[in-house]
Amino acid sequence: MRAVVQRVLEASVTVDGKKVSQIGPGLLVLLGVGKGDTEADVPWMVEKLATLRIFEDAAGKMNLSLEDTHKQLIVVSQFTLYGDTRRGRRPSFTEALEPEPAKALYEKVCEQLRTRGLTVGTGIFAADMKVALINDGPVTLLLETQRT
C-alpha cells in the first residue's frame, strides 16, 4: 500500500456536486492499493496513520499523533499512486490492484482506523472526486508498506 499523507487545516471531498466528507484540522490521506498487498498490510498502515507524530506540541515540535490530538482524517482511494511513468507519456496502472480486492482493503483500513476511536471521512471508491484542502505547513509524507 502507498499513502500520501498531508497535514491539513481543512479538507473535503465532493462527488457529483455533493460534499461527502469534510474535516477541520487533521490529515488527508490518499491511499493506493497495489498488486501483492494483502490484509497483512492493513495493520501496519493503520498503526502508522494513527500514531504518526505529525502534529506540533506546545513547544512547536512535531511530537503528537492523530490519537494524541483527536484530530480527524479523510482517506481517499487513489489507484493512480501506482501509476508507472518510467516509459512513454501515458502512465501504466498495471501495478494497481484490481478494483474489488482493492476496495476491500481500502475499507478495512478505514474500518480499523475507526475501531481505534478516530473520526474517518472517506471519498467514494472509484468515483470522480473533487478533493479540496488547505495544507498545514505544508507537511506531506509518503508511506509504503514493506514487502518481503
Protein backbone atom coordinates (compact mmCIF):
# COMPACT_ATOMS: atom_id res chain seq x y z
CA MET A 1 0.00 0.00 0.00
CA ARG A 2 1.06 3.53 -0.67
CA ALA A 3 -0.21 6.62 1.05
CA VAL A 4 0.33 10.32 0.58
CA VAL A 5 -0.33 11.90 3.97
CA GLN A 6 -0.96 15.63 4.17
CA ARG A 7 -1.44 17.60 7.37
CA VAL A 8 -4.36 19.94 6.71
CA LEU A 9 -6.23 22.79 8.33
CA GLU A 10 -9.31 21.55 6.48
CA ALA A 11 -10.22 19.15 3.69
CA SER A 12 -13.29 17.96 1.85
CA VAL A 13 -14.38 15.52 -0.84
CA THR A 14 -17.17 16.32 -3.28
CA VAL A 15 -18.82 13.83 -5.66
CA ASP A 16 -21.42 14.90 -8.25
CA GLY A 17 -21.65 18.34 -6.63
CA LYS A 18 -22.42 16.87 -3.17
CA LYS A 19 -19.92 17.14 -0.30
CA VAL A 20 -19.45 13.58 1.00
CA SER A 21 -16.74 14.28 3.62
CA GLN A 22 -15.39 17.32 5.38
CA ILE A 23 -12.94 17.80 8.24
CA GLY A 24 -11.20 20.59 10.08
CA PRO A 25 -7.61 20.16 11.27
CA GLY A 26 -6.23 16.68 10.70
CA LEU A 27 -4.93 14.50 7.89
CA LEU A 28 -5.88 13.95 4.29
CA VAL A 29 -4.69 10.52 3.19
CA LEU A 30 -4.58 9.42 -0.45
CA LEU A 31 -4.38 5.61 -0.27
CA GLY A 32 -3.39 3.32 -3.12
CA VAL A 33 -3.52 -0.47 -3.05
CA GLY A 34 -1.11 -2.40 -5.26
CA LYS A 35 -0.71 -5.92 -6.52
CA GLY A 36 0.76 -8.02 -3.76
CA ASP A 37 -0.96 -6.06 -0.99
CA THR A 38 -2.97 -8.22 1.40
CA GLU A 39 -4.84 -7.96 4.69
CA ALA A 40 -1.45 -8.37 6.37
CA ASP A 41 -0.56 -4.84 5.18
CA VAL A 42 -3.60 -3.23 6.82
CA PRO A 43 -2.45 -3.21 10.49
CA TRP A 44 0.89 -1.60 9.60
CA MET A 45 -0.77 1.20 7.62
CA VAL A 46 -3.43 1.76 10.30
CA GLU A 47 -0.84 1.87 13.09
CA LYS A 48 1.35 4.27 11.14
CA LEU A 49 -1.53 6.63 10.29
CA ALA A 50 -2.93 6.65 13.83
CA THR A 51 0.38 7.16 15.62
CA LEU A 52 2.50 9.15 13.17
CA ARG A 53 3.83 12.12 15.15
CA ILE A 54 2.99 14.84 12.64
CA PHE A 55 1.26 17.49 14.79
CA GLU A 56 3.06 20.11 16.83
CA ASP A 57 3.18 20.05 20.61
CA ALA A 58 3.28 23.14 22.86
CA ALA A 59 6.98 23.57 22.05
CA GLY A 60 6.30 23.62 18.30
CA LYS A 61 7.85 20.19 17.65
CA MET A 62 6.13 17.52 15.58
CA ASN A 63 5.52 15.27 18.53
CA LEU A 64 1.79 14.45 18.54
CA SER A 65 -0.32 11.96 16.57
CA LEU A 66 -3.95 11.76 15.48
CA GLU A 67 -4.63 9.64 18.54
CA ASP A 68 -2.94 12.19 20.81
CA THR A 69 -4.82 15.18 19.36
CA HIS A 70 -8.18 13.58 18.46
CA LYS A 71 -7.99 15.27 15.07
CA GLN A 72 -9.88 13.82 12.12
CA LEU A 73 -8.83 12.32 8.82
CA ILE A 74 -10.20 11.70 5.36
CA VAL A 75 -8.99 8.62 3.48
CA VAL A 76 -9.43 8.80 -0.29
CA SER A 77 -8.86 5.79 -2.56
CA GLN A 78 -6.19 6.65 -5.12
CA PHE A 79 -5.16 3.88 -7.52
CA THR A 80 -3.08 6.39 -9.51
CA LEU A 81 -0.42 6.21 -6.78
CA TYR A 82 0.60 3.04 -8.61
CA GLY A 83 0.96 4.82 -11.94
CA ASP A 84 4.25 3.94 -13.62
CA THR A 85 5.60 6.81 -15.73
CA ARG A 86 9.08 5.44 -16.45
CA ARG A 87 8.25 4.71 -20.10
CA GLY A 88 6.22 6.65 -22.59
CA ARG A 89 3.90 9.53 -21.84
CA ARG A 90 0.84 7.73 -20.54
CA PRO A 91 1.01 6.21 -17.04
CA SER A 92 0.62 2.46 -16.76
CA PHE A 93 -1.51 1.24 -13.87
CA THR A 94 -0.66 -2.45 -14.12
CA GLU A 95 0.74 -2.44 -10.56
CA ALA A 96 -2.55 -1.25 -9.04
CA LEU A 97 -4.67 -4.00 -7.50
CA GLU A 98 -7.94 -4.84 -9.26
CA PRO A 99 -10.94 -2.80 -8.01
CA GLU A 100 -12.81 -5.41 -5.94
CA PRO A 101 -9.92 -6.56 -3.72
CA ALA A 102 -8.53 -3.00 -3.59
CA LYS A 103 -11.87 -1.70 -2.33
CA ALA A 104 -11.99 -4.40 0.35
CA LEU A 105 -8.51 -3.47 1.65
CA TYR A 106 -9.28 0.27 1.50
CA GLU A 107 -12.45 -0.31 3.53
CA LYS A 108 -10.53 -2.44 6.06
CA VAL A 109 -8.05 0.39 6.62
CA CYS A 110 -10.91 2.85 7.24
CA GLU A 111 -12.75 0.39 9.49
CA GLN A 112 -9.68 -0.33 11.62
CA LEU A 113 -8.92 3.38 11.99
CA ARG A 114 -12.48 3.84 13.29
CA THR A 115 -12.07 0.98 15.78
CA ARG A 116 -9.18 2.98 17.24
CA GLY A 117 -11.64 5.77 18.00
CA LEU A 118 -10.67 8.03 15.13
CA THR A 119 -13.15 10.04 13.07
CA VAL A 120 -12.66 8.90 9.47
CA GLY A 121 -14.23 10.52 6.43
CA THR A 122 -13.96 8.88 3.04
CA GLY A 123 -14.48 9.51 -0.60
CA ILE A 124 -16.49 7.16 -2.78
CA PHE A 125 -14.43 4.32 -4.18
CA ALA A 126 -13.86 4.62 -7.96
CA ALA A 127 -15.90 7.85 -8.21
CA ASP A 128 -14.78 11.06 -9.88
CA MET A 129 -13.95 13.03 -6.74
CA LYS A 130 -13.05 16.64 -6.19
CA VAL A 131 -10.68 16.90 -3.24
CA ALA A 132 -10.12 20.29 -1.63
CA LEU A 133 -7.60 21.00 1.10
CA ILE A 134 -5.66 23.67 2.87
CA ASN A 135 -2.23 22.25 3.65
CA ASP A 136 -0.84 22.96 7.10
CA GLY A 137 2.89 23.56 6.98
CA PRO A 138 2.87 22.21 4.35
CA VAL A 139 3.61 18.79 5.74
CA THR A 140 3.37 15.94 3.23
CA LEU A 141 4.76 12.45 3.76
CA LEU A 142 4.85 9.25 1.73
CA LEU A 143 4.16 5.91 3.40
CA GLU A 144 4.58 2.50 1.86
CA THR A 145 4.05 -0.90 3.43
CA GLN A 146 7.11 -3.13 3.39
CA ARG A 147 7.14 -6.15 1.12
CA THR A 148 9.40 -9.09 1.73
